Amino acid sequence: MKVKDVMMGSPYFCSGENNLGVAAELMWKGNCGFLPVVDEAGTVCGVVTDRDICIALCTQNARASELKVRDVTHCNLHFCHAEDDIHVALRSMREGHVRRLPVLDRERKLTGVISMDDVLTHAEPTSLGKYPELSADETVRTYRKILRKDLPAVKRAAA
């Protein structure tokens, strides 16, 4: 199974120059919590999430119209290509601890988005003698890995 068989085409996206209010409105209209961020050339340079917007607004004591998307964009970009095998996308999600990936062409132009929701709707259970192309077991293992954050160790204070 290829990423293109599972992904959502024509996703919403924004520019780093947009303010957070514009990004939030796009997320509202698109019923999504994630936007790829494109530069002036139309190439994807990062992503912004609804969580990024909320944390920025709560910690910087500013209005959404005063902060730019570029100020909260994740530049450590995890992505895949439409022709990739679905397992390549799942590996990228696991490694990046992300639930959504922009799908890019070879010039880094946006062609779609794939999310764990998309993957879950295409996963099939493994049954006696049947090994599906995209198993529910692998999908669950991926989701668990994404959710497990590597948190810093906490040192106990000496008594």
Protein backbone atom coordinates (compact mmCIF):
# COMPACT_ATOMS: atom_id res chain seq x y z
CA MET A 1 0.00 0.00 0.00
CA LYS A 2 1.31 3.42 -0.92
CA VAL A 3 0.97 6.70 1.00
CA LYS A 4 -1.10 8.09 -1.89
CA ASP A 5 -3.72 5.38 -1.22
CA VAL A 6 -4.22 6.62 2.33
CA MET A 7 -3.37 10.35 2.38
CA MET A 8 -5.69 13.31 2.15
CA GLY A 9 -5.01 15.40 -0.95
CA SER A 10 -5.51 19.17 -1.19
CA PRO A 11 -4.79 19.96 2.47
CA TYR A 12 -4.98 23.38 4.05
CA PHE A 13 -1.61 25.11 4.55
CA CYS A 14 -0.29 28.53 5.51
CA SER A 15 2.69 30.82 5.14
CA GLY A 16 5.18 31.62 7.86
CA GLU A 17 4.18 35.26 7.36
CA ASN A 18 0.55 34.58 8.32
CA ASN A 19 -0.39 35.49 11.85
CA LEU A 20 -1.61 32.88 14.31
CA GLY A 21 -5.20 34.07 13.92
CA VAL A 22 -5.13 33.21 10.22
CA ALA A 23 -3.62 29.80 10.95
CA ALA A 24 -6.24 29.07 13.61
CA GLU A 25 -9.02 30.10 11.22
CA LEU A 26 -7.65 27.76 8.53
CA MET A 27 -7.56 24.93 11.07
CA TRP A 28 -11.15 25.70 12.04
CA LYS A 29 -12.33 25.70 8.41
CA GLY A 30 -10.37 22.56 7.58
CA ASN A 31 -11.33 20.74 10.78
CA CYS A 32 -7.66 19.97 11.40
CA GLY A 33 -5.06 20.65 14.06
CA PHE A 34 -2.01 20.76 11.81
CA LEU A 35 -0.91 22.95 8.91
CA PRO A 36 2.13 22.58 6.70
CA VAL A 37 3.96 25.90 6.41
CA VAL A 38 5.20 26.95 2.97
CA ASP A 39 7.80 29.54 2.05
CA GLU A 40 7.71 32.11 -0.76
CA ALA A 41 8.72 29.45 -3.32
CA GLY A 42 5.87 27.16 -2.24
CA THR A 43 8.12 24.58 -0.63
CA VAL A 44 7.21 23.16 2.77
CA CYS A 45 9.55 24.54 5.41
CA GLY A 46 7.81 23.38 8.58
CA VAL A 47 4.53 22.68 10.32
CA VAL A 48 2.39 24.37 12.95
CA THR A 49 -0.14 22.68 15.23
CA ASP A 50 -3.12 23.90 17.22
CA ARG A 51 -1.10 23.07 20.34
CA ASP A 52 1.76 25.32 19.16
CA ILE A 53 -0.71 28.18 18.74
CA CYS A 54 -2.30 27.66 22.16
CA ILE A 55 1.03 27.46 23.98
CA ALA A 56 2.41 30.53 22.17
CA LEU A 57 -0.66 32.60 23.01
CA CYS A 58 -0.72 31.47 26.64
CA THR A 59 2.99 32.00 27.29
CA GLN A 60 3.72 35.16 25.32
CA ASN A 61 0.80 37.30 26.48
CA ALA A 62 0.08 38.43 22.93
CA ARG A 63 -2.87 38.48 20.56
CA ALA A 64 -3.06 35.95 17.75
CA SER A 65 -2.83 38.81 15.26
CA GLU A 66 0.50 39.90 16.76
CA LEU A 67 2.41 36.63 16.40
CA LYS A 68 3.59 35.11 13.11
CA VAL A 69 3.39 31.45 12.24
CA ARG A 70 7.16 31.45 11.61
CA ASP A 71 7.66 32.24 15.31
CA VAL A 72 6.11 28.92 16.38
CA THR A 73 6.85 26.70 13.38
CA HIS A 74 8.54 23.33 13.85
CA CYS A 75 11.46 23.33 11.44
CA ASN A 76 12.58 19.77 12.19
CA LEU A 77 10.39 18.48 9.38
CA HIS A 78 9.30 14.86 9.18
CA PHE A 79 7.63 14.05 5.86
CA CYS A 80 7.03 11.38 3.27
CA HIS A 81 6.29 11.08 -0.44
CA ALA A 82 3.09 9.90 -2.11
CA GLU A 83 4.88 6.97 -3.77
CA ASP A 84 6.43 5.77 -0.49
CA ASP A 85 5.22 2.53 1.00
CA ILE A 86 2.89 3.17 3.94
CA HIS A 87 5.44 1.53 6.24
CA VAL A 88 7.95 4.29 5.38
CA ALA A 89 5.44 6.89 6.59
CA LEU A 90 4.75 4.92 9.76
CA ARG A 91 8.49 4.69 10.49
CA SER A 92 8.85 8.45 10.02
CA MET A 93 5.93 9.04 12.40
CA ARG A 94 7.48 6.73 15.01
CA GLU A 95 10.93 8.31 14.72
CA GLY A 96 9.56 11.85 14.89
CA HIS A 97 6.88 11.12 17.50
CA VAL A 98 4.34 12.82 15.20
CA ARG A 99 0.79 11.84 14.27
CA ARG A 100 0.70 13.74 10.97
CA LEU A 101 3.09 14.14 8.07
CA PRO A 102 3.09 16.44 5.09
CA VAL A 103 3.33 14.47 1.86
CA LEU A 104 5.80 16.18 -0.48
CA ASP A 105 6.91 15.78 -4.07
CA ARG A 106 10.61 15.65 -4.97
CA GLU A 107 10.80 19.47 -5.03
CA ARG A 108 9.34 19.63 -1.48
CA LYS A 109 6.00 20.95 -2.74
CA LEU A 110 2.94 19.90 -0.77
CA THR A 111 0.81 17.16 -2.34
CA GLY A 112 -1.12 15.99 0.72
CA VAL A 113 -1.14 15.10 4.39
CA ILE A 114 -1.25 11.70 6.03
CA SER A 115 -2.37 11.26 9.62
CA MET A 116 -2.69 8.39 12.05
CA ASP A 117 -6.47 8.78 11.60
CA ASP A 118 -6.04 8.05 7.88
CA VAL A 119 -3.86 5.05 8.67
CA LEU A 120 -6.28 3.68 11.27
CA THR A 121 -9.18 3.74 8.82
CA HIS A 122 -7.20 1.58 6.37
CA ALA A 123 -5.68 -0.88 8.85
CA GLU A 124 -6.98 -4.43 8.93
CA PRO A 125 -6.82 -7.06 11.67
CA THR A 126 -4.43 -9.96 11.32
CA SER A 127 -6.39 -13.19 11.17
CA LEU A 128 -5.47 -16.83 10.91
CA GLY A 129 -3.32 -17.21 7.81
CA LYS A 130 -3.99 -13.64 6.61
CA TYR A 131 -1.37 -10.94 6.86
CA PRO A 132 -2.79 -7.61 5.68
CA GLU A 133 -0.67 -5.04 3.92
CA LEU A 134 -1.40 -2.60 6.75
CA SER A 135 -2.08 -4.42 9.99
CA ALA A 136 -3.98 -3.02 12.94
CA ASP A 137 -1.23 -4.40 15.20
CA GLU A 138 1.48 -2.39 13.45
CA THR A 139 -0.71 0.70 13.53
CA VAL A 140 -1.26 0.36 17.27
CA ARG A 141 2.47 -0.20 17.88
CA THR A 142 3.22 2.96 15.88
CA TYR A 143 0.67 4.99 17.79
CA ARG A 144 2.05 3.81 21.13
CA LYS A 145 5.58 4.75 20.06
CA ILE A 146 4.40 8.21 18.98
CA LEU A 147 2.71 8.81 22.31
CA ARG A 148 5.73 7.71 24.35
CA LYS A 149 7.76 10.82 24.79
CA ASP A 150 11.34 10.58 25.92
CA LEU A 151 11.10 12.71 29.04
CA PRO A 152 14.15 13.93 30.91
CA ALA A 153 15.04 11.95 34.00
CA VAL A 154 14.04 13.54 37.29
CA LYS A 155 16.62 13.47 40.04
CA ARG A 156 15.45 12.88 43.56
CA ALA A 157 16.47 15.42 46.14
CA ALA A 158 18.68 14.12 48.92
CA ALA A 159 16.76 13.59 52.16
